[in-house]
PDB file of N, CA and C in Angstrom:
ATOM      1  N   MET A   1       0.844  -1.162   0.000  1.00  0.00           N
ATOM      2  CA  MET A   1       0.000   0.000   0.000  1.00  0.00           C
ATOM      3  C   MET A   1       0.897   1.236   0.000  1.00  0.00           C
ATOM      4  N   ILE A   2       0.513   2.251  -0.854  1.00  0.00           N
ATOM      5  CA  ILE A   2       1.303   3.466  -0.994  1.00  0.00           C
ATOM      6  C   ILE A   2       0.696   4.524  -0.089  1.00  0.00           C
ATOM      7  N   ASP A   3       1.597   5.216   0.583  1.00  0.00           N
ATOM      8  CA  ASP A   3       1.158   6.316   1.466  1.00  0.00           C
ATOM      9  C   ASP A   3       0.957   7.573   0.632  1.00  0.00           C
ATOM     10  N   THR A   4      -0.290   8.033   0.476  1.00  0.00           N
ATOM     11  CA  THR A   4      -0.615   9.207  -0.345  1.00  0.00           C
ATOM     12  C   THR A   4      -0.851  10.458   0.508  1.00  0.00           C
ATOM     13  N   THR A   5      -0.576  10.340   1.777  1.00  0.00           N
ATOM     14  CA  THR A   5      -0.838  11.466   2.673  1.00  0.00           C
ATOM     15  C   THR A   5      -0.037  12.696   2.271  1.00  0.00           C
ATOM     16  N   ALA A   6       1.228  12.523   1.935  1.00  0.00           N
ATOM     17  CA  ALA A   6       2.060  13.662   1.549  1.00  0.00           C
ATOM     18  C   ALA A   6       1.539  14.296   0.259  1.00  0.00           C
ATOM     19  N   HIS A   7       1.148  13.463  -0.706  1.00  0.00           N
ATOM     20  CA  HIS A   7       0.602  13.991  -1.962  1.00  0.00           C
ATOM     21  C   HIS A   7      -0.729  14.705  -1.734  1.00  0.00           C
ATOM     22  N   ASP A   8      -1.539  14.123  -0.871  1.00  0.00           N
ATOM     23  CA  ASP A   8      -2.822  14.772  -0.561  1.00  0.00           C
ATOM     24  C   ASP A   8      -2.600  16.144   0.091  1.00  0.00           C
ATOM     25  N   ARG A   9      -1.638  16.172   0.995  1.00  0.00           N
ATOM     26  CA  ARG A   9      -1.330  17.451   1.657  1.00  0.00           C
ATOM     27  C   ARG A   9      -0.842  18.479   0.636  1.00  0.00           C
ATOM     28  N   LEU A  10       0.032  18.062  -0.269  1.00  0.00           N
ATOM     29  CA  LEU A  10       0.533  18.977  -1.294  1.00  0.00           C
ATOM     30  C   LEU A  10      -0.602  19.454  -2.209  1.00  0.00           C
ATOM     31  N   ASN A  11      -1.461  18.535  -2.601  1.00  0.00           N
ATOM     32  CA  ASN A  11      -2.600  18.914  -3.442  1.00  0.00           C
ATOM     33  C   ASN A  11      -3.511  19.911  -2.725  1.00  0.00           C
ATOM     34  N   TYR A  12      -3.750  19.664  -1.437  1.00  0.00           N
ATOM     35  CA  TYR A  12      -4.584  20.554  -0.640  1.00  0.00           C
ATOM     36  C   TYR A  12      -3.922  21.935  -0.532  1.00  0.00           C
ATOM     37  N   MET A  13      -2.623  21.985  -0.295  1.00  0.00           N
ATOM     38  CA  MET A  13      -1.888  23.251  -0.188  1.00  0.00           C
ATOM     39  C   MET A  13      -1.914  24.014  -1.517  1.00  0.00           C
ATOM     40  N   GLU A  14      -1.767  23.287  -2.635  1.00  0.00           N
ATOM     41  CA  GLU A  14      -1.835  23.930  -3.949  1.00  0.00           C
ATOM     42  C   GLU A  14      -3.218  24.507  -4.214  1.00  0.00           C
ATOM     43  N   LYS A  15      -4.236  23.772  -3.775  1.00  0.00           N
ATOM     44  CA  LYS A  15      -5.608  24.254  -3.947  1.00  0.00           C
ATOM     45  C   LYS A  15      -5.831  25.522  -3.123  1.00  0.00           C
ATOM     46  N   ILE A  16      -5.400  25.529  -1.872  1.00  0.00           N
ATOM     47  CA  ILE A  16      -5.542  26.694  -1.001  1.00  0.00           C
ATOM     48  C   ILE A  16      -4.746  27.872  -1.559  1.00  0.00           C
ATOM     49  N   LEU A  17      -3.522  27.583  -2.016  1.00  0.00           N
ATOM     50  CA  LEU A  17      -2.682  28.622  -2.594  1.00  0.00           C
ATOM     51  C   LEU A  17      -3.332  29.211  -3.855  1.00  0.00           C
ATOM     52  N   GLY A  18      -3.939  28.366  -4.665  1.00  0.00           N
ATOM     53  CA  GLY A  18      -4.659  28.847  -5.850  1.00  0.00           C
ATOM     54  C   GLY A  18      -5.829  29.737  -5.467  1.00  0.00           C
ATOM     55  N   ASN A  19      -6.563  29.346  -4.411  1.00  0.00           N
ATOM     56  CA  ASN A  19      -7.686  30.164  -3.936  1.00  0.00           C
ATOM     57  C   ASN A  19      -7.203  31.527  -3.441  1.00  0.00           C
ATOM     58  N   HIS A  20      -6.103  31.511  -2.688  1.00  0.00           N
ATOM     59  CA  HIS A  20      -5.559  32.765  -2.178  1.00  0.00           C
ATOM     60  C   HIS A  20      -5.062  33.652  -3.327  1.00  0.00           C
ATOM     61  N   THR A  21      -4.424  33.045  -4.312  1.00  0.00           N
ATOM     62  CA  THR A  21      -3.943  33.807  -5.468  1.00  0.00           C
ATOM     63  C   THR A  21      -5.112  34.442  -6.210  1.00  0.00           C
ATOM     64  N   GLU A  22      -6.201  33.689  -6.345  1.00  0.00           N
ATOM     65  CA  GLU A  22      -7.386  34.217  -7.012  1.00  0.00           C
ATOM     66  C   GLU A  22      -7.976  35.386  -6.232  1.00  0.00           C
ATOM     67  N   LYS A  23      -8.030  35.260  -4.907  1.00  0.00           N
ATOM     68  CA  LYS A  23      -8.554  36.348  -4.072  1.00  0.00           C
ATOM     69  C   LYS A  23      -7.645  37.574  -4.142  1.00  0.00           C
ATOM     70  N   ILE A  24      -6.343  37.364  -4.145  1.00  0.00           N
ATOM     71  CA  ILE A  24      -5.395  38.481  -4.243  1.00  0.00           C
ATOM     72  C   ILE A  24      -5.555  39.193  -5.586  1.00  0.00           C
ATOM     73  N   ASN A  25      -5.720  38.431  -6.664  1.00  0.00           N
ATOM     74  CA  ASN A  25      -5.928  39.047  -7.982  1.00  0.00           C
ATOM     75  C   ASN A  25      -7.203  39.888  -8.004  1.00  0.00           C
ATOM     76  N   THR A  26      -8.254  39.360  -7.372  1.00  0.00           N
ATOM     77  CA  THR A  26      -9.515  40.108  -7.287  1.00  0.00           C
ATOM     78  C   THR A  26      -9.311  41.410  -6.522  1.00  0.00           C
ATOM     79  N   LEU A  27      -8.583  41.332  -5.411  1.00  0.00           N
ATOM     80  CA  LEU A  27      -8.313  42.545  -4.629  1.00  0.00           C
ATOM     81  C   LEU A  27      -7.459  43.542  -5.413  1.00  0.00           C
ATOM     82  N   GLU A  28      -6.491  43.028  -6.157  1.00  0.00           N
ATOM     83  CA  GLU A  28      -5.649  43.919  -6.962  1.00  0.00           C
ATOM     84  C   GLU A  28      -6.460  44.637  -8.025  1.00  0.00           C
ATOM     85  N   VAL A  29      -7.391  43.939  -8.645  1.00  0.00           N
ATOM     86  CA  VAL A  29      -8.264  44.570  -9.638  1.00  0.00           C
ATOM     87  C   VAL A  29      -9.106  45.646  -8.964  1.00  0.00           C
ATOM     88  N   GLY A  30      -9.635  45.338  -7.782  1.00  0.00           N
ATOM     89  CA  GLY A  30     -10.432  46.320  -7.042  1.00  0.00           C
ATOM     90  C   GLY A  30      -9.618  47.550  -6.682  1.00  0.00           C
ATOM     91  N   LEU A  31      -8.391  47.324  -6.232  1.00  0.00           N
ATOM     92  CA  LEU A  31      -7.526  48.449  -5.893  1.00  0.00           C
ATOM     93  C   LEU A  31      -7.180  49.276  -7.121  1.00  0.00           C
ATOM     94  N   SER A  32      -6.964  48.602  -8.229  1.00  0.00           N
ATOM     95  CA  SER A  32      -6.670  49.315  -9.472  1.00  0.00           C
ATOM     96  C   SER A  32      -7.855  50.194  -9.878  1.00  0.00           C
ATOM     97  N   ASP A  33      -9.065  49.642  -9.753  1.00  0.00           N
ATOM     98  CA  ASP A  33     -10.266  50.419 -10.067  1.00  0.00           C
ATOM     99  C   ASP A  33     -10.401  51.616  -9.135  1.00  0.00           C
ATOM    100  N   GLN A  34     -10.120  51.399  -7.850  1.00  0.00           N
ATOM    101  CA  GLN A  34     -10.191  52.502  -6.890  1.00  0.00           C
ATOM    102  C   GLN A  34      -9.133  53.556  -7.195  1.00  0.00           C
ATOM    103  N   GLY A  35      -7.960  53.111  -7.622  1.00  0.00           N
ATOM    104  CA  GLY A  35      -6.897  54.054  -7.989  1.00  0.00           C
ATOM    105  C   GLY A  35      -7.320  54.918  -9.162  1.00  0.00           C
ATOM    106  N   ARG A  36      -7.962  54.307 -10.161  1.00  0.00           N
ATOM    107  CA  ARG A  36      -8.452  55.082 -11.308  1.00  0.00           C
ATOM    108  C   ARG A  36      -9.530  56.068 -10.865  1.00  0.00           C
ATOM    109  N   ALA A  37     -10.413  55.615  -9.987  1.00  0.00           N
ATOM    110  CA  ALA A  37     -11.475  56.502  -9.506  1.00  0.00           C
ATOM    111  C   ALA A  37     -10.886  57.677  -8.729  1.00  0.00           C
ATOM    112  N   ILE A  38      -9.867  57.414  -7.928  1.00  0.00           N
ATOM    113  CA  ILE A  38      -9.215  58.492  -7.175  1.00  0.00           C
ATOM    114  C   ILE A  38      -8.542  59.469  -8.137  1.00  0.00           C
ATOM    115  N   SER A  39      -7.894  58.952  -9.178  1.00  0.00           N
ATOM    116  CA  SER A  39      -7.258  59.824 -10.168  1.00  0.00           C
ATOM    117  C   SER A  39      -8.296  60.696 -10.876  1.00  0.00           C
ATOM    118  N   GLU A  40      -9.417  60.101 -11.242  1.00  0.00           N
ATOM    119  CA  GLU A  40     -10.484  60.864 -11.891  1.00  0.00           C
ATOM    120  C   GLU A  40     -11.037  61.931 -10.955  1.00  0.00           C
ATOM    121  N   ASN A  41     -11.254  61.570  -9.688  1.00  0.00           N
ATOM    122  CA  ASN A  41     -11.759  62.541  -8.715  1.00  0.00           C
ATOM    123  C   ASN A  41     -10.769  63.677  -8.507  1.00  0.00           C
ATOM    124  N   THR A  42      -9.477  63.344  -8.503  1.00  0.00           N
ATOM    125  CA  THR A  42      -8.457  64.380  -8.350  1.00  0.00           C
ATOM    126  C   THR A  42      -8.490  65.341  -9.531  1.00  0.00           C
ATOM    127  N   ALA A  43      -8.625  64.796 -10.730  1.00  0.00           N
ATOM    128  CA  ALA A  43      -8.697  65.646 -11.922  1.00  0.00           C
ATOM    129  C   ALA A  43      -9.931  66.545 -11.881  1.00  0.00           C
ATOM    130  N   ILE A  44     -11.054  65.998 -11.466  1.00  0.00           N
ATOM    131  CA  ILE A  44     -12.285  66.789 -11.365  1.00  0.00           C
ATOM    132  C   ILE A  44     -12.123  67.887 -10.323  1.00  0.00           C
ATOM    133  N   THR A  45     -11.503  67.550  -9.188  1.00  0.00           N
ATOM    134  CA  THR A  45     -11.286  68.543  -8.134  1.00  0.00           C
ATOM    135  C   THR A  45     -10.388  69.668  -8.628  1.00  0.00           C
ATOM    136  N   ARG A  46      -9.364  69.330  -9.393  1.00  0.00           N
ATOM    137  CA  ARG A  46      -8.477  70.375  -9.942  1.00  0.00           C
ATOM    138  C   ARG A  46      -9.227  71.253 -10.932  1.00  0.00           C
ATOM    139  N   ASN A  47     -10.105  70.663 -11.733  1.00  0.00           N
ATOM    140  CA  ASN A  47     -10.914  71.461 -12.664  1.00  0.00           C
ATOM    141  C   ASN A  47     -11.829  72.414 -11.897  1.00  0.00           C
ATOM    142  N   ILE A  48     -12.426  71.923 -10.829  1.00  0.00           N
ATOM    143  CA  ILE A  48     -13.299  72.770 -10.011  1.00  0.00           C
ATOM    144  C   ILE A  48     -12.497  73.918  -9.403  1.00  0.00           C
ATOM    145  N   GLU A  49     -11.292  73.609  -8.944  1.00  0.00           N
ATOM    146  CA  GLU A  49     -10.436  74.642  -8.361  1.00  0.00           C
ATOM    147  C   GLU A  49     -10.119  75.725  -9.399  1.00  0.00           C
ATOM    148  N   THR A  50      -9.765  75.302 -10.604  1.00  0.00           N
ATOM    149  CA  THR A  50      -9.451  76.252 -11.669  1.00  0.00           C
ATOM    150  C   THR A  50     -10.674  77.094 -12.030  1.00  0.00           C
ATOM    151  N   ASN A  51     -11.821  76.438 -12.170  1.00  0.00           N
ATOM    152  CA  ASN A  51     -13.049  77.160 -12.519  1.00  0.00           C
ATOM    153  C   ASN A  51     -13.441  78.146 -11.423  1.00  0.00           C
ATOM    154  N   THR A  52     -13.261  77.744 -10.168  1.00  0.00           N
ATOM    155  CA  THR A  52     -13.591  78.629  -9.051  1.00  0.00           C
ATOM    156  C   THR A  52     -12.682  79.848  -9.058  1.00  0.00           C
ATOM    157  N   ALA A  53     -11.393  79.638  -9.304  1.00  0.00           N
ATOM    158  CA  ALA A  53     -10.463  80.766  -9.367  1.00  0.00           C
ATOM    159  C   ALA A  53     -10.842  81.713 -10.501  1.00  0.00           C
ATOM    160  N   GLU A  54     -11.248  81.156 -11.647  1.00  0.00           N
ATOM    161  CA  GLU A  54     -11.670  81.998 -12.762  1.00  0.00           C
ATOM    162  C   GLU A  54     -12.932  82.782 -12.412  1.00  0.00           C
ATOM    163  N   LEU A  55     -13.871  82.141 -11.724  1.00  0.00           N
ATOM    164  CA  LEU A  55     -15.095  82.838 -11.321  1.00  0.00           C
ATOM    165  C   LEU A  55     -14.793  83.963 -10.340  1.00  0.00           C
ATOM    166  N   VAL A  56     -13.899  83.715  -9.404  1.00  0.00           N
ATOM    167  CA  VAL A  56     -13.531  84.751  -8.437  1.00  0.00           C
ATOM    168  C   VAL A  56     -12.922  85.945  -9.172  1.00  0.00           C
ATOM    169  N   GLN A  57     -12.034  85.681 -10.116  1.00  0.00           N
ATOM    170  CA  GLN A  57     -11.423  86.761 -10.887  1.00  0.00           C
ATOM    171  C   GLN A  57     -12.472  87.503 -11.706  1.00  0.00           C
ATOM    172  N   LEU A  58     -13.406  86.762 -12.290  1.00  0.00           N
ATOM    173  CA  LEU A  58     -14.479  87.386 -13.065  1.00  0.00           C
ATOM    174  C   LEU A  58     -15.330  88.302 -12.191  1.00  0.00           C
ATOM    175  N   PHE A  59     -15.684  87.836 -10.995  1.00  0.00           N
ATOM    176  CA  PHE A  59     -16.481  88.665 -10.089  1.00  0.00           C
ATOM    177  C   PHE A  59     -15.712  89.904  -9.649  1.00  0.00           C
ATOM    178  N   LYS A  60     -14.401  89.779  -9.459  1.00  0.00           N
ATOM    179  CA  LYS A  60     -13.594  90.949  -9.116  1.00  0.00           C
ATOM    180  C   LYS A  60     -13.617  91.962 -10.253  1.00  0.00           C
ATOM    181  N   ASN A  61     -13.501  91.462 -11.492  1.00  0.00           N
ATOM    182  CA  ASN A  61     -13.538  92.359 -12.647  1.00  0.00           C
ATOM    183  C   ASN A  61     -14.894  93.043 -12.777  1.00  0.00           C
ATOM    184  N   VAL A  62     -15.961  92.281 -12.554  1.00  0.00           N
ATOM    185  CA  VAL A  62     -17.310  92.851 -12.631  1.00  0.00           C
ATOM    186  C   VAL A  62     -17.498  93.906 -11.549  1.00  0.00           C
ATOM    187  N   LYS A  63     -16.984  93.642 -10.366  1.00  0.00           N
ATOM    188  CA  LYS A  63     -17.099  94.604  -9.275  1.00  0.00           C
ATOM    189  C   LYS A  63     -16.352  95.891  -9.627  1.00  0.00           C
ATOM    190  N   SER A  64     -15.166  95.761 -10.226  1.00  0.00           N
ATOM    191  CA  SER A  64     -14.406  96.941 -10.640  1.00  0.00           C
ATOM    192  C   SER A  64     -15.150  97.718 -11.712  1.00  0.00           C
ATOM    193  N   LEU A  65     -15.729  96.980 -12.661  1.00  0.00           N
ATOM    194  CA  LEU A  65     -16.499  97.627 -13.715  1.00  0.00           C
ATOM    195  C   LEU A  65     -17.715  98.344 -13.144  1.00  0.00           C
ATOM    196  N   ARG A  66     -18.373  97.727 -12.194  1.00  0.00           N
ATOM    197  CA  ARG A  66     -19.533  98.343 -11.548  1.00  0.00           C
ATOM    198  C   ARG A  66     -19.134  99.644 -10.858  1.00  0.00           C
ATOM    199  N   GLN A  67     -18.003  99.608 -10.146  1.00  0.00           N
ATOM    200  CA  GLN A  67     -17.539 100.816  -9.466  1.00  0.00           C
ATOM    201  C   GLN A  67     -17.209 101.911 -10.479  1.00  0.00           C
ATOM    202  N   LEU A  68     -16.631 101.514 -11.597  1.00  0.00           N
ATOM    203  CA  LEU A  68     -16.301 102.475 -12.645  1.00  0.00           C
ATOM    204  C   LEU A  68     -17.574 103.113 -13.209  1.00  0.00           C
ATOM    205  N   VAL A  69     -18.574 102.285 -13.472  1.00  0.00           N
ATOM    206  CA  VAL A  69     -19.846 102.787 -14.009  1.00  0.00           C
ATOM    207  C   VAL A  69     -20.524 103.706 -12.996  1.00  0.00           C
ATOM    208  N   LEU A  70     -20.515 103.310 -11.732  1.00  0.00           N
ATOM    209  CA  LEU A  70     -21.148 104.145 -10.710  1.00  0.00           C
ATOM    210  C   LEU A  70     -20.422 105.482 -10.559  1.00  0.00           C
ATOM    211  N   PHE A  71     -19.142 105.518 -10.846  1.00  0.00           N
ATOM    212  CA  PHE A  71     -18.389 106.765 -10.739  1.00  0.00           C
ATOM    213  C   PHE A  71     -18.605 107.645 -11.968  1.00  0.00           C
ATOM    214  N   TYR A  72     -18.532 107.047 -13.169  1.00  0.00           N
ATOM    215  CA  TYR A  72     -18.587 107.842 -14.393  1.00  0.00           C
ATOM    216  C   TYR A  72     -20.003 108.105 -14.909  1.00  0.00           C
ATOM    217  N   ALA A  73     -20.978 107.324 -14.518  1.00  0.00           N
ATOM    218  CA  ALA A  73     -22.342 107.518 -15.017  1.00  0.00           C
ATOM    219  C   ALA A  73     -22.898 108.896 -14.627  1.00  0.00           C
ATOM    220  N   PRO A  74     -22.775 109.333 -13.379  1.00  0.00           N
ATOM    221  CA  PRO A  74     -23.280 110.677 -13.054  1.00  0.00           C
ATOM    222  C   PRO A  74     -22.530 111.782 -13.816  1.00  0.00           C
ATOM    223  N   LEU A  75     -21.230 111.603 -13.972  1.00  0.00           N
ATOM    224  CA  LEU A  75     -20.462 112.595 -14.726  1.00  0.00           C
ATOM    225  C   LEU A  75     -20.929 112.664 -16.173  1.00  0.00           C
ATOM    226  N   ALA A  76     -21.169 111.502 -16.757  1.00  0.00           N
ATOM    227  CA  ALA A  76     -21.647 111.459 -18.135  1.00  0.00           C
ATOM    228  C   ALA A  76     -23.033 112.090 -18.238  1.00  0.00           C
ATOM    229  N   ALA A  77     -23.877 111.859 -17.244  1.00  0.00           N
ATOM    230  CA  ALA A  77     -25.226 112.441 -17.263  1.00  0.00           C
ATOM    231  C   ALA A  77     -25.153 113.957 -17.165  1.00  0.00           C
ATOM    232  N   VAL A  78     -24.279 114.463 -16.277  1.00  0.00           N
ATOM    233  CA  VAL A  78     -24.130 115.914 -16.149  1.00  0.00           C
ATOM    234  C   VAL A  78     -23.582 116.501 -17.450  1.00  0.00           C
ATOM    235  N   PHE A  79     -22.580 115.848 -18.013  1.00  0.00           N
ATOM    236  CA  PHE A  79     -22.006 116.330 -19.275  1.00  0.00           C
ATOM    237  C   PHE A  79     -23.058 116.349 -20.376  1.00  0.00           C
ATOM    238  N   ALA A  80     -23.853 115.296 -20.478  1.00  0.00           N
ATOM    239  CA  ALA A  80     -24.891 115.237 -21.513  1.00  0.00           C
ATOM    240  C   ALA A  80     -25.934 116.328 -21.287  1.00  0.00           C
ATOM    241  N   ALA A  81     -26.285 116.575 -20.030  1.00  0.00           N
ATOM    242  CA  ALA A  81     -27.282 117.611 -19.744  1.00  0.00           C
ATOM    243  C   ALA A  81     -26.743 118.992 -20.103  1.00  0.00           C
ATOM    244  N   VAL A  82     -25.500 119.245 -19.733  1.00  0.00           N
ATOM    245  CA  VAL A  82     -24.911 120.551 -20.046  1.00  0.00           C
ATOM    246  C   VAL A  82     -24.763 120.716 -21.544  1.00  0.00           C
ATOM    247  N   TRP A  83     -24.351 119.688 -22.219  1.00  0.00           N
ATOM    248  CA  TRP A  83     -24.149 119.759 -23.669  1.00  0.00           C
ATOM    249  C   TRP A  83     -25.475 120.002 -24.390  1.00  0.00           C
ATOM    250  N   SER A  84     -26.500 119.227 -23.984  1.00  0.00           N
ATOM    251  CA  SER A  84     -27.801 119.418 -24.639  1.00  0.00           C
ATOM    252  C   SER A  84     -28.389 120.777 -24.266  1.00  0.00           C
ATOM    253  N   GLY A  85     -28.145 121.230 -23.037  1.00  0.00           N
ATOM    254  CA  GLY A  85     -28.649 122.552 -22.631  1.00  0.00           C
ATOM    255  C   GLY A  85     -27.992 123.665 -23.411  1.00  0.00           C
ATOM    256  N   THR A  86     -26.676 123.584 -23.583  1.00  0.00           N
ATOM    257  CA  THR A  86     -25.991 124.636 -24.342  1.00  0.00           C
ATOM    258  C   THR A  86     -26.387 124.578 -25.808  1.00  0.00           C
ATOM    259  N   SER A  87     -26.593 123.395 -26.320  1.00  0.00           N
ATOM    260  CA  SER A  87     -27.014 123.258 -27.710  1.00  0.00           C
ATOM    261  C   SER A  87     -28.401 123.874 -27.895  1.00  0.00           C
ATOM    262  N   TRP A  88     -29.283 123.572 -26.980  1.00  0.00           N
ATOM    263  CA  TRP A  88     -30.643 124.127 -27.046  1.00  0.00           C
ATOM    264  C   TRP A  88     -30.610 125.638 -26.903  1.00  0.00           C
ATOM    265  N   LEU A  89     -29.780 126.106 -25.973  1.00  0.00           N
ATOM    266  CA  LEU A  89     -29.693 127.542 -25.722  1.00  0.00           C
ATOM    267  C   LEU A  89     -29.131 128.282 -26.946  1.00  0.00           C
ATOM    268  N   SER A  90     -28.062 127.738 -27.534  1.00  0.00           N
ATOM    269  CA  SER A  90     -27.485 128.419 -28.703  1.00  0.00           C
ATOM    270  C   SER A  90     -28.465 128.394 -29.881  1.00  0.00           C
ATOM    271  N   HIS A  91     -29.212 127.336 -30.019  1.00  0.00           N
ATOM    272  CA  HIS A  91     -30.205 127.246 -31.102  1.00  0.00           C
ATOM    273  C   HIS A  91     -31.307 128.304 -30.892  1.00  0.00           C
ATOM    274  N   ASN A  92     -31.777 128.474 -29.678  1.00  0.00           N
ATOM    275  CA  ASN A  92     -32.834 129.444 -29.390  1.00  0.00           C
ATOM    276  C   ASN A  92     -32.314 130.864 -29.477  1.00  0.00           C
ATOM    277  N   ILE A  93     -31.064 131.097 -29.130  1.00  0.00           N
ATOM    278  CA  ILE A  93     -30.498 132.450 -29.258  1.00  0.00           C
ATOM    279  C   ILE A  93     -30.407 132.823 -30.721  1.00  0.00           C
ATOM    280  N   GLU A  94     -30.026 131.882 -31.554  1.00  0.00           N
ATOM    281  CA  GLU A  94     -29.974 132.148 -32.996  1.00  0.00           C
ATOM    282  C   GLU A  94     -31.359 132.497 -33.529  1.00  0.00           C
ATOM    283  N   LYS A  95     -32.362 131.804 -33.033  1.00  0.00           N
ATOM    284  CA  LYS A  95     -33.738 132.090 -33.477  1.00  0.00           C
ATOM    285  C   LYS A  95     -34.157 133.478 -33.058  1.00  0.00           C
ATOM    286  N   MET A  96     -33.719 133.904 -31.886  1.00  0.00           N
ATOM    287  CA  MET A  96     -34.114 135.208 -31.391  1.00  0.00           C
ATOM    288  C   MET A  96     -33.550 136.340 -32.271  1.00  0.00           C
ATOM    289  N   PHE A  97     -32.367 136.177 -32.799  1.00  0.00           N
ATOM    290  CA  PHE A  97     -31.741 137.233 -33.572  1.00  0.00           C
ATOM    291  C   PHE A  97     -31.932 137.088 -35.079  1.00  0.00           C
ATOM    292  N   THR A  98     -32.617 136.078 -35.497  1.00  0.00           N
ATOM    293  CA  THR A  98     -32.852 135.962 -36.935  1.00  0.00           C
ATOM    294  C   THR A  98     -34.281 136.178 -37.288  1.00  0.00           C
TER     295      THR A  98
END
């Protein structure tokens, strides 16, 4: 009679080792997928950061433009009123003497 205990043990160890290798491969695939997801999230976060910085700069520019308009609009209105008033006045003075 041949003693197969050693062969059985080796076969059992190979089977367990194969199962562990399969589980490790599955985990590696999962980690790889998570790594890709993290890379994608990082890229999206950087895009959001860039877009936010651009929006902040845009709002600063709009605020500056608003301040400029609020400063020059009354001056332009006064200038237009004086110009139209003098134009009207000179036109009526000409009518008076002709």
